[in-house]
Amino acid sequence: MLAVWFLLTAALAAPPTPSVDRIDYGSPSAALALPPSIGRRADIEGVARQIGGVTFEDKVAGIGAWMNAHLKV
């Protein structure tokens, strides 16, 4: 019964207000940078080349397929 109450309460709760103050609109090129903390640039670009796809939908499908094949939950 507690689980049902929790699910109903969570479903009725209003979503949080989006936060846009984290975006640095003064330096949009910073969003394109690959910080060293996420991996080596050559490795990331190599994976990106494997994904391929002509259309946006093809690329998103390729990303999903790569994630399913290489990442474990």
PDB file of N, CA and C in Angstrom:
ATOM      1  N   MET A   1       0.829  -1.185   0.000  1.00  0.00           N
ATOM      2  CA  MET A   1       0.000   0.000   0.000  1.00  0.00           C
ATOM      3  C   MET A   1       0.879   1.256   0.000  1.00  0.00           C
ATOM      4  N   LEU A   2       1.968   1.203   0.741  1.00  0.00           N
ATOM      5  CA  LEU A   2       2.881   2.340   0.800  1.00  0.00           C
ATOM      6  C   LEU A   2       3.484   2.617  -0.577  1.00  0.00           C
ATOM      7  N   ALA A   3       3.783   1.551  -1.310  1.00  0.00           N
ATOM      8  CA  ALA A   3       4.360   1.717  -2.642  1.00  0.00           C
ATOM      9  C   ALA A   3       3.368   2.410  -3.575  1.00  0.00           C
ATOM     10  N   VAL A   4       2.105   2.058  -3.493  1.00  0.00           N
ATOM     11  CA  VAL A   4       1.076   2.694  -4.316  1.00  0.00           C
ATOM     12  C   VAL A   4       0.971   4.166  -3.956  1.00  0.00           C
ATOM     13  N   TRP A   5       0.966   4.484  -2.671  1.00  0.00           N
ATOM     14  CA  TRP A   5       0.904   5.888  -2.237  1.00  0.00           C
ATOM     15  C   TRP A   5       2.107   6.661  -2.771  1.00  0.00           C
ATOM     16  N   PHE A   6       3.280   6.070  -2.688  1.00  0.00           N
ATOM     17  CA  PHE A   6       4.493   6.732  -3.162  1.00  0.00           C
ATOM     18  C   PHE A   6       4.411   7.014  -4.657  1.00  0.00           C
ATOM     19  N   LEU A   7       3.974   6.016  -5.439  1.00  0.00           N
ATOM     20  CA  LEU A   7       3.873   6.197  -6.885  1.00  0.00           C
ATOM     21  C   LEU A   7       2.859   7.282  -7.240  1.00  0.00           C
ATOM     22  N   LEU A   8       1.722   7.300  -6.561  1.00  0.00           N
ATOM     23  CA  LEU A   8       0.719   8.326  -6.831  1.00  0.00           C
ATOM     24  C   LEU A   8       1.225   9.710  -6.447  1.00  0.00           C
ATOM     25  N   THR A   9       1.892   9.809  -5.319  1.00  0.00           N
ATOM     26  CA  THR A   9       2.431  11.091  -4.874  1.00  0.00           C
ATOM     27  C   THR A   9       3.484  11.586  -5.851  1.00  0.00           C
ATOM     28  N   ALA A  10       4.356  10.715  -6.296  1.00  0.00           N
ATOM     29  CA  ALA A  10       5.401  11.100  -7.236  1.00  0.00           C
ATOM     30  C   ALA A  10       4.806  11.516  -8.575  1.00  0.00           C
ATOM     31  N   ALA A  11       3.754  10.830  -9.002  1.00  0.00           N
ATOM     32  CA  ALA A  11       3.130  11.147 -10.283  1.00  0.00           C
ATOM     33  C   ALA A  11       2.425  12.496 -10.244  1.00  0.00           C
ATOM     34  N   LEU A  12       1.916  12.888  -9.087  1.00  0.00           N
ATOM     35  CA  LEU A  12       1.180  14.141  -8.978  1.00  0.00           C
ATOM     36  C   LEU A  12       2.069  15.341  -8.657  1.00  0.00           C
ATOM     37  N   ALA A  13       3.303  15.084  -8.280  1.00  0.00           N
ATOM     38  CA  ALA A  13       4.209  16.176  -7.922  1.00  0.00           C
ATOM     39  C   ALA A  13       4.564  16.985  -9.167  1.00  0.00           C
ATOM     40  N   ALA A  14       4.644  18.279  -9.009  1.00  0.00           N
ATOM     41  CA  ALA A  14       5.011  19.150 -10.132  1.00  0.00           C
ATOM     42  C   ALA A  14       6.490  18.966 -10.458  1.00  0.00           C
ATOM     43  N   PRO A  15       6.823  18.989 -11.743  1.00  0.00           N
ATOM     44  CA  PRO A  15       8.245  18.862 -12.098  1.00  0.00           C
ATOM     45  C   PRO A  15       9.013  20.080 -11.618  1.00  0.00           C
ATOM     46  N   PRO A  16      10.287  19.917 -11.348  1.00  0.00           N
ATOM     47  CA  PRO A  16      11.084  21.057 -10.886  1.00  0.00           C
ATOM     48  C   PRO A  16      11.242  22.108 -11.986  1.00  0.00           C
ATOM     49  N   THR A  17      11.477  23.323 -11.580  1.00  0.00           N
ATOM     50  CA  THR A  17      11.715  24.405 -12.532  1.00  0.00           C
ATOM     51  C   THR A  17      13.070  24.190 -13.193  1.00  0.00           C
ATOM     52  N   PRO A  18      13.118  24.264 -14.532  1.00  0.00           N
ATOM     53  CA  PRO A  18      14.407  24.072 -15.200  1.00  0.00           C
ATOM     54  C   PRO A  18      15.421  25.132 -14.778  1.00  0.00           C
ATOM     55  N   SER A  19      16.677  24.712 -14.726  1.00  0.00           N
ATOM     56  CA  SER A  19      17.757  25.625 -14.368  1.00  0.00           C
ATOM     57  C   SER A  19      18.563  25.938 -15.621  1.00  0.00           C
ATOM     58  N   VAL A  20      18.607  27.208 -15.988  1.00  0.00           N
ATOM     59  CA  VAL A  20      19.392  27.591 -17.158  1.00  0.00           C
ATOM     60  C   VAL A  20      20.589  28.451 -16.775  1.00  0.00           C
ATOM     61  N   ASP A  21      20.787  28.656 -15.487  1.00  0.00           N
ATOM     62  CA  ASP A  21      21.905  29.495 -15.057  1.00  0.00           C
ATOM     63  C   ASP A  21      23.252  28.788 -15.192  1.00  0.00           C
ATOM     64  N   ARG A  22      23.249  27.496 -15.508  1.00  0.00           N
ATOM     65  CA  ARG A  22      24.501  26.770 -15.700  1.00  0.00           C
ATOM     66  C   ARG A  22      25.077  27.002 -17.082  1.00  0.00           C
ATOM     67  N   ILE A  23      24.284  27.555 -17.987  1.00  0.00           N
ATOM     68  CA  ILE A  23      24.719  27.760 -19.362  1.00  0.00           C
ATOM     69  C   ILE A  23      25.486  29.072 -19.465  1.00  0.00           C
ATOM     70  N   ASP A  24      26.659  28.995 -20.053  1.00  0.00           N
ATOM     71  CA  ASP A  24      27.479  30.183 -20.248  1.00  0.00           C
ATOM     72  C   ASP A  24      27.249  30.691 -21.670  1.00  0.00           C
ATOM     73  N   TYR A  25      26.279  31.569 -21.813  1.00  0.00           N
ATOM     74  CA  TYR A  25      25.951  32.087 -23.138  1.00  0.00           C
ATOM     75  C   TYR A  25      27.043  32.998 -23.693  1.00  0.00           C
ATOM     76  N   GLY A  26      27.929  33.462 -22.870  1.00  0.00           N
ATOM     77  CA  GLY A  26      29.024  34.311 -23.328  1.00  0.00           C
ATOM     78  C   GLY A  26      30.132  33.537 -24.015  1.00  0.00           C
ATOM     79  N   SER A  27      30.199  32.227 -23.785  1.00  0.00           N
ATOM     80  CA  SER A  27      31.248  31.385 -24.388  1.00  0.00           C
ATOM     81  C   SER A  27      30.633  30.120 -24.978  1.00  0.00           C
ATOM     82  N   PRO A  28      29.864  30.225 -26.055  1.00  0.00           N
ATOM     83  CA  PRO A  28      29.209  29.031 -26.607  1.00  0.00           C
ATOM     84  C   PRO A  28      30.199  27.976 -27.099  1.00  0.00           C
ATOM     85  N   SER A  29      31.404  28.389 -27.489  1.00  0.00           N
ATOM     86  CA  SER A  29      32.376  27.403 -27.978  1.00  0.00           C
ATOM     87  C   SER A  29      32.853  26.486 -26.858  1.00  0.00           C
ATOM     88  N   ALA A  30      32.697  26.892 -25.620  1.00  0.00           N
ATOM     89  CA  ALA A  30      33.099  26.036 -24.501  1.00  0.00           C
ATOM     90  C   ALA A  30      32.284  24.749 -24.471  1.00  0.00           C
ATOM     91  N   ALA A  31      31.054  24.790 -24.986  1.00  0.00           N
ATOM     92  CA  ALA A  31      30.211  23.597 -25.014  1.00  0.00           C
ATOM     93  C   ALA A  31      30.720  22.578 -26.028  1.00  0.00           C
ATOM     94  N   LEU A  32      31.563  22.992 -26.953  1.00  0.00           N
ATOM     95  CA  LEU A  32      32.102  22.095 -27.970  1.00  0.00           C
ATOM     96  C   LEU A  32      33.434  21.488 -27.572  1.00  0.00           C
ATOM     97  N   ALA A  33      34.005  21.966 -26.489  1.00  0.00           N
ATOM     98  CA  ALA A  33      35.306  21.467 -26.044  1.00  0.00           C
ATOM     99  C   ALA A  33      35.178  20.067 -25.465  1.00  0.00           C
ATOM    100  N   LEU A  34      36.216  19.277 -25.622  1.00  0.00           N
ATOM    101  CA  LEU A  34      36.276  17.946 -25.016  1.00  0.00           C
ATOM    102  C   LEU A  34      37.244  18.009 -23.843  1.00  0.00           C
ATOM    103  N   PRO A  35      36.734  18.175 -22.630  1.00  0.00           N
ATOM    104  CA  PRO A  35      37.638  18.242 -21.493  1.00  0.00           C
ATOM    105  C   PRO A  35      38.355  16.907 -21.284  1.00  0.00           C
ATOM    106  N   PRO A  36      39.590  16.935 -20.832  1.00  0.00           N
ATOM    107  CA  PRO A  36      40.355  15.702 -20.630  1.00  0.00           C
ATOM    108  C   PRO A  36      39.681  14.711 -19.686  1.00  0.00           C
ATOM    109  N   SER A  37      38.811  15.191 -18.826  1.00  0.00           N
ATOM    110  CA  SER A  37      38.174  14.306 -17.848  1.00  0.00           C
ATOM    111  C   SER A  37      37.208  13.310 -18.488  1.00  0.00           C
ATOM    112  N   ILE A  38      36.790  13.531 -19.742  1.00  0.00           N
ATOM    113  CA  ILE A  38      35.851  12.587 -20.357  1.00  0.00           C
ATOM    114  C   ILE A  38      36.540  11.560 -21.251  1.00  0.00           C
ATOM    115  N   GLY A  39      37.816  11.715 -21.487  1.00  0.00           N
ATOM    116  CA  GLY A  39      38.540  10.725 -22.277  1.00  0.00           C
ATOM    117  C   GLY A  39      39.457  11.367 -23.295  1.00  0.00           C
ATOM    118  N   ARG A  40      40.169  10.497 -24.018  1.00  0.00           N
ATOM    119  CA  ARG A  40      41.097  10.995 -25.042  1.00  0.00           C
ATOM    120  C   ARG A  40      40.332  11.381 -26.294  1.00  0.00           C
ATOM    121  N   ARG A  41      40.676  12.508 -26.879  1.00  0.00           N
ATOM    122  CA  ARG A  41      40.000  13.028 -28.072  1.00  0.00           C
ATOM    123  C   ARG A  41      40.011  11.997 -29.209  1.00  0.00           C
ATOM    124  N   ALA A  42      41.140  11.350 -29.445  1.00  0.00           N
ATOM    125  CA  ALA A  42      41.246  10.376 -30.535  1.00  0.00           C
ATOM    126  C   ALA A  42      40.277   9.208 -30.329  1.00  0.00           C
ATOM    127  N   ASP A  43      40.137   8.753 -29.084  1.00  0.00           N
ATOM    128  CA  ASP A  43      39.213   7.651 -28.794  1.00  0.00           C
ATOM    129  C   ASP A  43      37.766   8.069 -29.045  1.00  0.00           C
ATOM    130  N   ILE A  44      37.420   9.262 -28.600  1.00  0.00           N
ATOM    131  CA  ILE A  44      36.051   9.759 -28.759  1.00  0.00           C
ATOM    132  C   ILE A  44      35.726   9.946 -30.236  1.00  0.00           C
ATOM    133  N   GLU A  45      36.650  10.528 -30.987  1.00  0.00           N
ATOM    134  CA  GLU A  45      36.417  10.720 -32.416  1.00  0.00           C
ATOM    135  C   GLU A  45      36.339   9.395 -33.160  1.00  0.00           C
ATOM    136  N   GLY A  46      37.111   8.397 -32.723  1.00  0.00           N
ATOM    137  CA  GLY A  46      37.047   7.074 -33.334  1.00  0.00           C
ATOM    138  C   GLY A  46      35.684   6.428 -33.149  1.00  0.00           C
ATOM    139  N   VAL A  47      35.132   6.542 -31.961  1.00  0.00           N
ATOM    140  CA  VAL A  47      33.799   5.997 -31.703  1.00  0.00           C
ATOM    141  C   VAL A  47      32.760   6.759 -32.522  1.00  0.00           C
ATOM    142  N   ALA A  48      32.893   8.074 -32.587  1.00  0.00           N
ATOM    143  CA  ALA A  48      31.943   8.885 -33.354  1.00  0.00           C
ATOM    144  C   ALA A  48      31.948   8.475 -34.829  1.00  0.00           C
ATOM    145  N   ARG A  49      33.112   8.150 -35.382  1.00  0.00           N
ATOM    146  CA  ARG A  49      33.183   7.712 -36.783  1.00  0.00           C
ATOM    147  C   ARG A  49      32.485   6.371 -36.983  1.00  0.00           C
ATOM    148  N   GLN A  50      32.520   5.501 -35.988  1.00  0.00           N
ATOM    149  CA  GLN A  50      31.872   4.191 -36.086  1.00  0.00           C
ATOM    150  C   GLN A  50      30.357   4.317 -36.134  1.00  0.00           C
ATOM    151  N   ILE A  51      29.808   5.325 -35.488  1.00  0.00           N
ATOM    152  CA  ILE A  51      28.351   5.458 -35.357  1.00  0.00           C
ATOM    153  C   ILE A  51      27.713   5.795 -36.702  1.00  0.00           C
ATOM    154  N   GLY A  52      28.276   6.714 -37.434  1.00  0.00           N
ATOM    155  CA  GLY A  52      27.778   7.046 -38.767  1.00  0.00           C
ATOM    156  C   GLY A  52      26.336   7.550 -38.762  1.00  0.00           C
ATOM    157  N   GLY A  53      25.659   7.328 -39.877  1.00  0.00           N
ATOM    158  CA  GLY A  53      24.284   7.776 -40.027  1.00  0.00           C
ATOM    159  C   GLY A  53      24.200   9.017 -40.887  1.00  0.00           C
ATOM    160  N   VAL A  54      23.215   9.048 -41.764  1.00  0.00           N
ATOM    161  CA  VAL A  54      23.042  10.181 -42.666  1.00  0.00           C
ATOM    162  C   VAL A  54      22.119  11.221 -42.038  1.00  0.00           C
ATOM    163  N   THR A  55      20.976  10.769 -41.555  1.00  0.00           N
ATOM    164  CA  THR A  55      20.000  11.686 -40.967  1.00  0.00           C
ATOM    165  C   THR A  55      20.196  11.760 -39.461  1.00  0.00           C
ATOM    166  N   PHE A  56      19.559  12.741 -38.844  1.00  0.00           N
ATOM    167  CA  PHE A  56      19.599  12.867 -37.387  1.00  0.00           C
ATOM    168  C   PHE A  56      19.088  11.584 -36.729  1.00  0.00           C
ATOM    169  N   GLU A  57      17.987  11.056 -37.257  1.00  0.00           N
ATOM    170  CA  GLU A  57      17.401   9.833 -36.686  1.00  0.00           C
ATOM    171  C   GLU A  57      18.358   8.661 -36.803  1.00  0.00           C
ATOM    172  N   ASP A  58      19.062   8.558 -37.946  1.00  0.00           N
ATOM    173  CA  ASP A  58      20.058   7.487 -38.119  1.00  0.00           C
ATOM    174  C   ASP A  58      21.171   7.604 -37.086  1.00  0.00           C
ATOM    175  N   LYS A  59      21.606   8.839 -36.846  1.00  0.00           N
ATOM    176  CA  LYS A  59      22.685   9.055 -35.884  1.00  0.00           C
ATOM    177  C   LYS A  59      22.249   8.710 -34.471  1.00  0.00           C
ATOM    178  N   VAL A  60      21.023   9.106 -34.100  1.00  0.00           N
ATOM    179  CA  VAL A  60      20.512   8.781 -32.763  1.00  0.00           C
ATOM    180  C   VAL A  60      20.374   7.269 -32.613  1.00  0.00           C
ATOM    181  N   ALA A  61      19.881   6.598 -33.664  1.00  0.00           N
ATOM    182  CA  ALA A  61      19.766   5.136 -33.619  1.00  0.00           C
ATOM    183  C   ALA A  61      21.148   4.497 -33.494  1.00  0.00           C
ATOM    184  N   GLY A  62      22.133   5.045 -34.196  1.00  0.00           N
ATOM    185  CA  GLY A  62      23.499   4.524 -34.110  1.00  0.00           C
ATOM    186  C   GLY A  62      24.093   4.700 -32.732  1.00  0.00           C
ATOM    187  N   ILE A  63      23.822   5.832 -32.103  1.00  0.00           N
ATOM    188  CA  ILE A  63      24.302   6.073 -30.736  1.00  0.00           C
ATOM    189  C   ILE A  63      23.676   5.058 -29.787  1.00  0.00           C
ATOM    190  N   GLY A  64      22.373   4.836 -29.935  1.00  0.00           N
ATOM    191  CA  GLY A  64      21.688   3.857 -29.083  1.00  0.00           C
ATOM    192  C   GLY A  64      22.241   2.455 -29.273  1.00  0.00           C
ATOM    193  N   ALA A  65      22.490   2.081 -30.526  1.00  0.00           N
ATOM    194  CA  ALA A  65      23.049   0.748 -30.800  1.00  0.00           C
ATOM    195  C   ALA A  65      24.442   0.611 -30.209  1.00  0.00           C
ATOM    196  N   TRP A  66      25.265   1.660 -30.349  1.00  0.00           N
ATOM    197  CA  TRP A  66      26.617   1.606 -29.782  1.00  0.00           C
ATOM    198  C   TRP A  66      26.552   1.474 -28.269  1.00  0.00           C
ATOM    199  N   MET A  67      25.684   2.255 -27.636  1.00  0.00           N
ATOM    200  CA  MET A  67      25.556   2.189 -26.177  1.00  0.00           C
ATOM    201  C   MET A  67      25.102   0.794 -25.730  1.00  0.00           C
ATOM    202  N   ASN A  68      24.127   0.218 -26.430  1.00  0.00           N
ATOM    203  CA  ASN A  68      23.647  -1.117 -26.066  1.00  0.00           C
ATOM    204  C   ASN A  68      24.726  -2.165 -26.227  1.00  0.00           C
ATOM    205  N   ALA A  69      25.599  -1.986 -27.219  1.00  0.00           N
ATOM    206  CA  ALA A  69      26.648  -2.963 -27.472  1.00  0.00           C
ATOM    207  C   ALA A  69      27.853  -2.812 -26.557  1.00  0.00           C
ATOM    208  N   HIS A  70      28.109  -1.596 -26.051  1.00  0.00           N
ATOM    209  CA  HIS A  70      29.360  -1.341 -25.332  1.00  0.00           C
ATOM    210  C   HIS A  70      29.229  -0.956 -23.859  1.00  0.00           C
ATOM    211  N   LEU A  71      28.058  -0.545 -23.435  1.00  0.00           N
ATOM    212  CA  LEU A  71      27.898  -0.113 -22.045  1.00  0.00           C
ATOM    213  C   LEU A  71      27.034  -1.111 -21.285  1.00  0.00           C
ATOM    214  N   LYS A  72      27.396  -1.349 -20.044  1.00  0.00           N
ATOM    215  CA  LYS A  72      26.632  -2.262 -19.195  1.00  0.00           C
ATOM    216  C   LYS A  72      25.900  -1.442 -18.141  1.00  0.00           C
ATOM    217  N   VAL A  73      24.702  -1.853 -17.856  1.00  0.00           N
ATOM    218  CA  VAL A  73      23.908  -1.146 -16.853  1.00  0.00           C
ATOM    219  C   VAL A  73      24.117  -1.764 -15.509  1.00  0.00           C
TER     220      VAL A  73
END
